[in-house]
N, C-alpha and C. Protein backbone atom coordinates (compact mmCIF):
# COMPACT_ATOMS: atom_id res chain seq x y z
N MET A 1 93.66 218.77 153.94
CA MET A 1 94.21 217.66 153.18
C MET A 1 93.21 217.27 152.08
N ARG A 2 93.70 217.14 150.84
CA ARG A 2 92.84 216.72 149.73
C ARG A 2 92.42 215.27 149.92
N LYS A 3 91.17 215.01 149.60
CA LYS A 3 90.65 213.65 149.73
C LYS A 3 90.78 212.92 148.39
N VAL A 4 90.98 211.61 148.46
CA VAL A 4 91.10 210.79 147.26
C VAL A 4 89.69 210.36 146.87
N HIS A 5 89.23 210.84 145.72
CA HIS A 5 87.87 210.55 145.26
C HIS A 5 87.73 209.10 144.80
N LEU A 6 86.49 208.64 144.80
CA LEU A 6 86.18 207.26 144.44
C LEU A 6 86.66 206.93 143.03
N TRP A 7 86.50 207.83 142.07
CA TRP A 7 86.91 207.53 140.70
C TRP A 7 88.40 207.26 140.62
N ARG A 8 89.18 207.94 141.44
CA ARG A 8 90.64 207.73 141.45
C ARG A 8 90.97 206.37 142.06
N ARG A 9 90.25 205.99 143.10
CA ARG A 9 90.43 204.65 143.69
C ARG A 9 90.14 203.57 142.67
N LEU A 10 89.02 203.76 141.94
CA LEU A 10 88.61 202.75 140.96
C LEU A 10 89.59 202.69 139.79
N ALA A 11 90.14 203.82 139.39
CA ALA A 11 91.14 203.83 138.32
C ALA A 11 92.38 203.05 138.76
N ALA A 12 92.83 203.28 139.99
CA ALA A 12 93.99 202.54 140.50
C ALA A 12 93.67 201.05 140.61
N ALA A 13 92.45 200.72 141.04
CA ALA A 13 92.04 199.32 141.14
C ALA A 13 92.05 198.66 139.76
N PHE A 14 91.65 199.40 138.74
CA PHE A 14 91.68 198.86 137.37
C PHE A 14 93.11 198.53 136.96
N TYR A 15 94.04 199.44 137.20
CA TYR A 15 95.45 199.19 136.88
C TYR A 15 95.96 197.96 137.63
N ASP A 16 95.64 197.88 138.93
CA ASP A 16 96.09 196.75 139.73
C ASP A 16 95.47 195.44 139.26
N SER A 17 94.21 195.50 138.82
CA SER A 17 93.56 194.28 138.34
C SER A 17 94.26 193.76 137.08
N LEU A 18 94.76 194.65 136.23
CA LEU A 18 95.50 194.20 135.04
C LEU A 18 96.77 193.44 135.45
N LEU A 19 97.45 193.94 136.47
CA LEU A 19 98.65 193.24 136.96
C LEU A 19 98.30 191.89 137.56
N LEU A 20 97.22 191.85 138.33
CA LEU A 20 96.80 190.59 138.94
C LEU A 20 96.36 189.58 137.89
N ILE A 21 95.66 190.04 136.86
CA ILE A 21 95.24 189.13 135.79
C ILE A 21 96.47 188.52 135.12
N ALA A 22 97.51 189.31 134.91
CA ALA A 22 98.75 188.78 134.33
C ALA A 22 99.35 187.70 135.24
N LEU A 23 99.37 187.96 136.55
CA LEU A 23 99.86 186.95 137.50
C LEU A 23 98.99 185.70 137.48
N TYR A 24 97.67 185.89 137.40
CA TYR A 24 96.74 184.76 137.35
C TYR A 24 96.97 183.91 136.11
N PHE A 25 97.20 184.56 134.96
CA PHE A 25 97.49 183.81 133.74
C PHE A 25 98.76 182.97 133.91
N LEU A 26 99.78 183.56 134.51
CA LEU A 26 101.03 182.84 134.74
C LEU A 26 100.80 181.64 135.65
N VAL A 27 100.09 181.84 136.75
CA VAL A 27 99.82 180.75 137.68
C VAL A 27 98.96 179.67 137.00
N GLY A 28 97.97 180.09 136.23
CA GLY A 28 97.13 179.13 135.50
C GLY A 28 97.93 178.32 134.51
N TRP A 29 98.84 178.98 133.80
CA TRP A 29 99.68 178.27 132.83
C TRP A 29 100.57 177.25 133.54
N ILE A 30 101.17 177.66 134.66
CA ILE A 30 102.02 176.74 135.43
C ILE A 30 101.19 175.57 135.93
N ALA A 31 99.97 175.83 136.41
CA ALA A 31 99.11 174.76 136.92
C ALA A 31 98.75 173.78 135.81
N VAL A 32 98.43 174.28 134.62
CA VAL A 32 98.09 173.40 133.49
C VAL A 32 99.31 172.58 133.08
N MET A 33 100.48 173.21 133.02
CA MET A 33 101.69 172.47 132.65
C MET A 33 102.02 171.39 133.70
N ALA A 34 101.80 171.72 134.96
CA ALA A 34 102.06 170.75 136.03
C ALA A 34 101.03 169.61 136.01
N ASN A 35 99.91 169.83 135.32
CA ASN A 35 98.84 168.83 135.23
C ASN A 35 98.86 168.15 133.85
N ASP A 36 100.03 168.03 133.26
CA ASP A 36 100.22 167.38 131.95
C ASP A 36 99.37 168.00 130.86
N GLY A 37 99.21 169.32 130.90
CA GLY A 37 98.49 170.01 129.84
C GLY A 37 96.97 169.95 129.95
N GLU A 38 96.48 169.35 131.00
CA GLU A 38 95.03 169.23 131.20
C GLU A 38 94.51 170.42 132.01
N ALA A 39 93.24 170.74 131.79
CA ALA A 39 92.61 171.82 132.56
C ALA A 39 92.66 171.50 134.05
N VAL A 40 92.76 172.54 134.83
CA VAL A 40 92.84 172.40 136.29
C VAL A 40 91.54 172.92 136.87
N ASP A 41 90.97 172.14 137.77
CA ASP A 41 89.77 172.61 138.46
C ASP A 41 89.88 172.27 139.94
N GLY A 42 88.89 172.66 140.67
CA GLY A 42 88.91 172.41 142.10
C GLY A 42 89.13 173.68 142.89
N PRO A 43 88.80 173.63 144.16
CA PRO A 43 88.86 174.85 144.98
C PRO A 43 90.28 175.33 145.28
N TRP A 44 91.27 174.47 145.17
CA TRP A 44 92.63 174.88 145.54
C TRP A 44 93.14 176.02 144.66
N LEU A 45 92.77 176.03 143.38
CA LEU A 45 93.23 177.09 142.48
C LEU A 45 92.60 178.43 142.87
N PHE A 46 91.31 178.40 143.21
CA PHE A 46 90.62 179.62 143.67
C PHE A 46 91.32 180.19 144.89
N TRP A 47 91.61 179.33 145.87
CA TRP A 47 92.26 179.79 147.10
C TRP A 47 93.68 180.29 146.83
N LEU A 48 94.37 179.63 145.91
CA LEU A 48 95.71 180.07 145.54
C LEU A 48 95.68 181.48 144.94
N LEU A 49 94.71 181.74 144.08
CA LEU A 49 94.59 183.06 143.47
C LEU A 49 94.25 184.13 144.50
N LEU A 50 93.41 183.79 145.48
CA LEU A 50 93.11 184.75 146.56
C LEU A 50 94.36 185.05 147.39
N ILE A 51 95.16 184.02 147.63
CA ILE A 51 96.39 184.21 148.41
C ILE A 51 97.39 185.06 147.63
N ILE A 52 97.47 184.85 146.32
CA ILE A 52 98.36 185.67 145.49
C ILE A 52 97.93 187.14 145.56
N ALA A 53 96.64 187.40 145.44
CA ALA A 53 96.14 188.78 145.52
C ALA A 53 96.43 189.36 146.90
N TRP A 54 96.22 188.55 147.95
CA TRP A 54 96.52 189.00 149.31
C TRP A 54 98.00 189.41 149.41
N GLY A 55 98.90 188.55 148.92
CA GLY A 55 100.32 188.86 148.98
C GLY A 55 100.67 190.13 148.21
N PHE A 56 100.06 190.30 147.06
CA PHE A 56 100.28 191.49 146.23
C PHE A 56 99.91 192.75 147.01
N PHE A 57 98.69 192.78 147.55
CA PHE A 57 98.23 193.98 148.23
C PHE A 57 98.95 194.22 149.55
N VAL A 58 99.15 193.18 150.33
CA VAL A 58 99.83 193.37 151.62
C VAL A 58 101.26 193.86 151.40
N LYS A 59 101.97 193.30 150.44
CA LYS A 59 103.34 193.74 150.17
C LYS A 59 103.37 195.21 149.80
N PHE A 60 102.55 195.61 148.84
CA PHE A 60 102.60 197.00 148.37
C PHE A 60 101.98 197.98 149.36
N TRP A 61 100.96 197.58 150.09
CA TRP A 61 100.38 198.48 151.09
C TRP A 61 101.32 198.70 152.26
N ARG A 62 102.14 197.68 152.59
CA ARG A 62 103.10 197.83 153.69
C ARG A 62 104.27 198.71 153.26
N TYR A 63 104.86 198.38 152.13
CA TYR A 63 105.97 199.17 151.62
C TYR A 63 105.93 199.13 150.11
N PRO A 64 105.81 200.20 149.45
CA PRO A 64 105.98 201.60 149.86
C PRO A 64 104.70 202.29 150.30
N GLY A 65 103.64 201.54 150.58
CA GLY A 65 102.38 202.16 150.99
C GLY A 65 101.43 202.38 149.83
N GLN A 66 101.80 201.88 148.67
CA GLN A 66 100.96 202.07 147.50
C GLN A 66 101.22 200.96 146.48
N THR A 67 100.14 200.53 145.84
CA THR A 67 100.26 199.58 144.74
C THR A 67 100.74 200.33 143.51
N LEU A 68 100.99 199.61 142.45
CA LEU A 68 101.44 200.26 141.23
C LEU A 68 100.36 201.19 140.67
N GLY A 69 99.10 200.78 140.78
CA GLY A 69 98.00 201.66 140.36
C GLY A 69 97.92 202.92 141.20
N MET A 70 98.15 202.79 142.48
CA MET A 70 98.14 203.96 143.37
C MET A 70 99.31 204.89 143.06
N GLN A 71 100.44 204.32 142.65
CA GLN A 71 101.59 205.16 142.27
C GLN A 71 101.25 206.02 141.06
N VAL A 72 100.58 205.43 140.08
CA VAL A 72 100.19 206.18 138.88
C VAL A 72 99.27 207.34 139.24
N TRP A 73 98.32 207.09 140.15
CA TRP A 73 97.33 208.11 140.51
C TRP A 73 97.77 208.94 141.71
N LYS A 74 98.99 208.74 142.19
CA LYS A 74 99.65 209.59 143.19
C LYS A 74 98.94 209.65 144.55
N PHE A 75 98.62 208.48 145.08
CA PHE A 75 98.14 208.42 146.46
C PHE A 75 98.64 207.15 147.11
N ARG A 76 98.58 207.12 148.43
CA ARG A 76 99.02 205.95 149.18
C ARG A 76 98.07 205.68 150.33
N VAL A 77 98.22 204.53 150.95
CA VAL A 77 97.40 204.16 152.09
C VAL A 77 98.28 204.22 153.34
N VAL A 78 97.71 204.79 154.41
CA VAL A 78 98.41 204.90 155.69
C VAL A 78 97.41 204.60 156.81
N GLN A 79 97.93 204.39 158.01
CA GLN A 79 97.07 204.28 159.18
C GLN A 79 96.42 205.63 159.43
N ASP A 80 95.38 205.64 160.25
CA ASP A 80 94.73 206.90 160.60
C ASP A 80 95.71 207.92 161.17
N ASN A 81 96.76 207.43 161.84
CA ASN A 81 97.75 208.35 162.43
C ASN A 81 98.88 208.71 161.46
N GLY A 82 98.81 208.23 160.22
CA GLY A 82 99.81 208.55 159.21
C GLY A 82 100.95 207.55 159.09
N ALA A 83 101.01 206.57 159.99
CA ALA A 83 102.08 205.56 159.96
C ALA A 83 101.80 204.51 158.88
N PRO A 84 102.84 203.78 158.47
CA PRO A 84 102.64 202.69 157.51
C PRO A 84 101.75 201.59 158.11
N LEU A 85 101.09 200.84 157.25
CA LEU A 85 100.20 199.78 157.70
C LEU A 85 101.00 198.62 158.29
N THR A 86 100.40 197.93 159.25
CA THR A 86 100.95 196.68 159.76
C THR A 86 100.43 195.56 158.86
N VAL A 87 101.03 194.37 158.97
CA VAL A 87 100.54 193.22 158.19
C VAL A 87 99.09 192.93 158.57
N ARG A 88 98.79 193.03 159.85
CA ARG A 88 97.42 192.77 160.31
C ARG A 88 96.43 193.77 159.69
N GLN A 89 96.78 195.04 159.68
CA GLN A 89 95.90 196.05 159.08
C GLN A 89 95.75 195.83 157.58
N ALA A 90 96.85 195.53 156.91
CA ALA A 90 96.78 195.29 155.46
C ALA A 90 95.92 194.07 155.16
N THR A 91 96.04 193.03 155.98
CA THR A 91 95.22 191.83 155.80
C THR A 91 93.75 192.16 156.04
N ALA A 92 93.46 192.89 157.11
CA ALA A 92 92.08 193.29 157.39
C ALA A 92 91.53 194.14 156.25
N ARG A 93 92.32 195.05 155.76
CA ARG A 93 91.89 195.91 154.65
C ARG A 93 91.58 195.08 153.41
N TYR A 94 92.41 194.09 153.12
CA TYR A 94 92.20 193.22 151.96
C TYR A 94 90.90 192.42 152.10
N VAL A 95 90.72 191.77 153.25
CA VAL A 95 89.52 190.96 153.47
C VAL A 95 88.27 191.84 153.43
N LEU A 96 88.33 192.99 154.08
CA LEU A 96 87.17 193.89 154.12
C LEU A 96 86.88 194.50 152.75
N ALA A 97 87.90 194.70 151.93
CA ALA A 97 87.67 195.19 150.56
C ALA A 97 86.95 194.12 149.75
N LEU A 98 87.28 192.84 149.97
CA LEU A 98 86.56 191.76 149.30
C LEU A 98 85.09 191.76 149.72
N VAL A 99 84.84 192.00 151.00
CA VAL A 99 83.46 192.09 151.49
C VAL A 99 82.76 193.28 150.84
N SER A 100 83.46 194.40 150.74
CA SER A 100 82.89 195.60 150.09
C SER A 100 82.48 195.31 148.66
N TRP A 101 83.34 194.62 147.90
CA TRP A 101 82.99 194.24 146.53
C TRP A 101 81.85 193.23 146.53
N GLY A 102 81.90 192.28 147.48
CA GLY A 102 80.88 191.24 147.56
C GLY A 102 79.49 191.76 147.86
N CYS A 103 79.41 192.91 148.45
CA CYS A 103 78.11 193.56 148.74
C CYS A 103 77.74 194.51 147.59
N PHE A 104 78.01 194.05 146.36
CA PHE A 104 77.68 194.82 145.15
C PHE A 104 78.38 196.18 145.12
N GLY A 105 79.55 196.25 145.74
CA GLY A 105 80.33 197.49 145.72
C GLY A 105 79.86 198.54 146.71
N LEU A 106 78.90 198.19 147.57
CA LEU A 106 78.36 199.19 148.51
C LEU A 106 79.43 199.74 149.44
N GLY A 107 80.39 198.91 149.83
CA GLY A 107 81.46 199.39 150.69
C GLY A 107 82.29 200.48 150.05
N PHE A 108 82.44 200.39 148.73
CA PHE A 108 83.17 201.43 148.00
C PHE A 108 82.28 202.65 147.78
N LEU A 109 81.02 202.40 147.43
CA LEU A 109 80.10 203.52 147.18
C LEU A 109 79.87 204.35 148.44
N TRP A 110 80.12 203.76 149.59
CA TRP A 110 79.98 204.48 150.86
C TRP A 110 80.84 205.75 150.86
N ALA A 111 81.96 205.72 150.14
CA ALA A 111 82.85 206.88 150.07
C ALA A 111 82.14 208.10 149.48
N LEU A 112 81.09 207.88 148.70
CA LEU A 112 80.36 209.00 148.10
C LEU A 112 79.53 209.77 149.13
N VAL A 113 79.15 209.11 150.22
CA VAL A 113 78.32 209.77 151.24
C VAL A 113 79.09 210.09 152.52
N ASP A 114 80.26 209.50 152.68
CA ASP A 114 81.06 209.74 153.88
C ASP A 114 81.75 211.10 153.77
N LYS A 115 81.70 211.89 154.85
CA LYS A 115 82.28 213.24 154.79
C LYS A 115 83.78 213.22 154.53
N ASN A 116 84.47 212.15 154.95
CA ASN A 116 85.91 212.02 154.70
C ASN A 116 86.22 211.13 153.50
N GLN A 117 85.19 210.73 152.78
CA GLN A 117 85.30 209.87 151.60
C GLN A 117 86.01 208.55 151.91
N LEU A 118 85.68 207.98 153.08
CA LEU A 118 86.24 206.69 153.48
C LEU A 118 85.31 205.56 153.06
N THR A 119 85.89 204.43 152.69
CA THR A 119 85.12 203.23 152.38
C THR A 119 84.94 202.41 153.65
N TRP A 120 84.16 201.34 153.54
CA TRP A 120 83.99 200.46 154.70
C TRP A 120 85.34 199.92 155.15
N HIS A 121 86.15 199.47 154.20
CA HIS A 121 87.43 198.86 154.59
C HIS A 121 88.41 199.90 155.12
N ASP A 122 88.28 201.16 154.71
CA ASP A 122 89.09 202.22 155.34
C ASP A 122 88.71 202.35 156.81
N LYS A 123 87.42 202.48 157.06
CA LYS A 123 86.94 202.71 158.42
C LYS A 123 87.29 201.54 159.34
N LEU A 124 86.98 200.32 158.88
CA LEU A 124 87.13 199.15 159.74
C LEU A 124 88.59 198.74 159.95
N SER A 125 89.47 199.07 159.02
CA SER A 125 90.89 198.74 159.19
C SER A 125 91.69 199.92 159.75
N GLN A 126 91.00 201.02 160.03
CA GLN A 126 91.62 202.23 160.58
C GLN A 126 92.74 202.74 159.67
N THR A 127 92.40 202.83 158.38
CA THR A 127 93.34 203.33 157.38
C THR A 127 92.67 204.44 156.58
N ARG A 128 93.48 205.15 155.82
CA ARG A 128 92.94 206.19 154.94
C ARG A 128 93.90 206.36 153.77
N LEU A 129 93.41 207.00 152.73
CA LEU A 129 94.24 207.29 151.57
C LEU A 129 94.66 208.75 151.63
N GLU A 130 95.87 209.03 151.18
CA GLU A 130 96.34 210.41 151.13
C GLU A 130 97.10 210.64 149.83
N PHE A 131 96.99 211.86 149.32
CA PHE A 131 97.74 212.23 148.12
C PHE A 131 99.22 212.33 148.44
N ILE A 132 100.04 212.13 147.43
CA ILE A 132 101.49 212.25 147.57
C ILE A 132 101.98 213.26 146.54
N ASP A 133 102.77 214.21 147.01
CA ASP A 133 103.45 215.07 146.03
C ASP A 133 104.86 214.51 145.86
N HIS A 134 105.61 215.02 144.93
CA HIS A 134 106.93 214.47 144.62
C HIS A 134 107.89 214.56 145.80
N LYS A 135 107.78 215.59 146.62
CA LYS A 135 108.66 215.74 147.77
C LYS A 135 108.39 214.64 148.79
N GLN A 136 107.10 214.34 149.05
CA GLN A 136 106.75 213.28 149.99
C GLN A 136 107.21 211.93 149.48
N ARG A 137 107.05 211.68 148.18
CA ARG A 137 107.39 210.39 147.60
C ARG A 137 108.86 210.07 147.84
N ASN A 138 109.73 211.06 147.77
CA ASN A 138 111.16 210.82 147.96
C ASN A 138 111.51 210.51 149.41
N ARG A 139 110.66 210.87 150.35
CA ARG A 139 110.92 210.60 151.77
C ARG A 139 110.50 209.20 152.17
N THR A 140 109.64 208.53 151.40
CA THR A 140 109.15 207.21 151.81
C THR A 140 110.03 206.11 151.32
């Protein structure tokens, strides 16, 4: 089985970040309008944005098993046994990916030294990435 290299993961993450930034702008605009045009501050907006990102990733990781960025780069996330992720696994993967980024990206860089090219959040959430060919895509 071909392994999904780190550069491909990061390219998909870049695409997904563009989509999330667009969602964040929309939420920020709604928050400002709801606040009579004044700037919005406070921790609630930060937590709301984290929850939006969580919903984005959990939804796409559960079904169809790939975010829009992953669709472009032709790979998906599955459990170690090949089954679709559960909500619990997708949530664990999301939280652990945040930890991986929070450790200066070391959790992602781990894929460069791991024989199966797994990141920390892959290992700890018992998930892996796999390539999709067109025949597989039609079955999911």
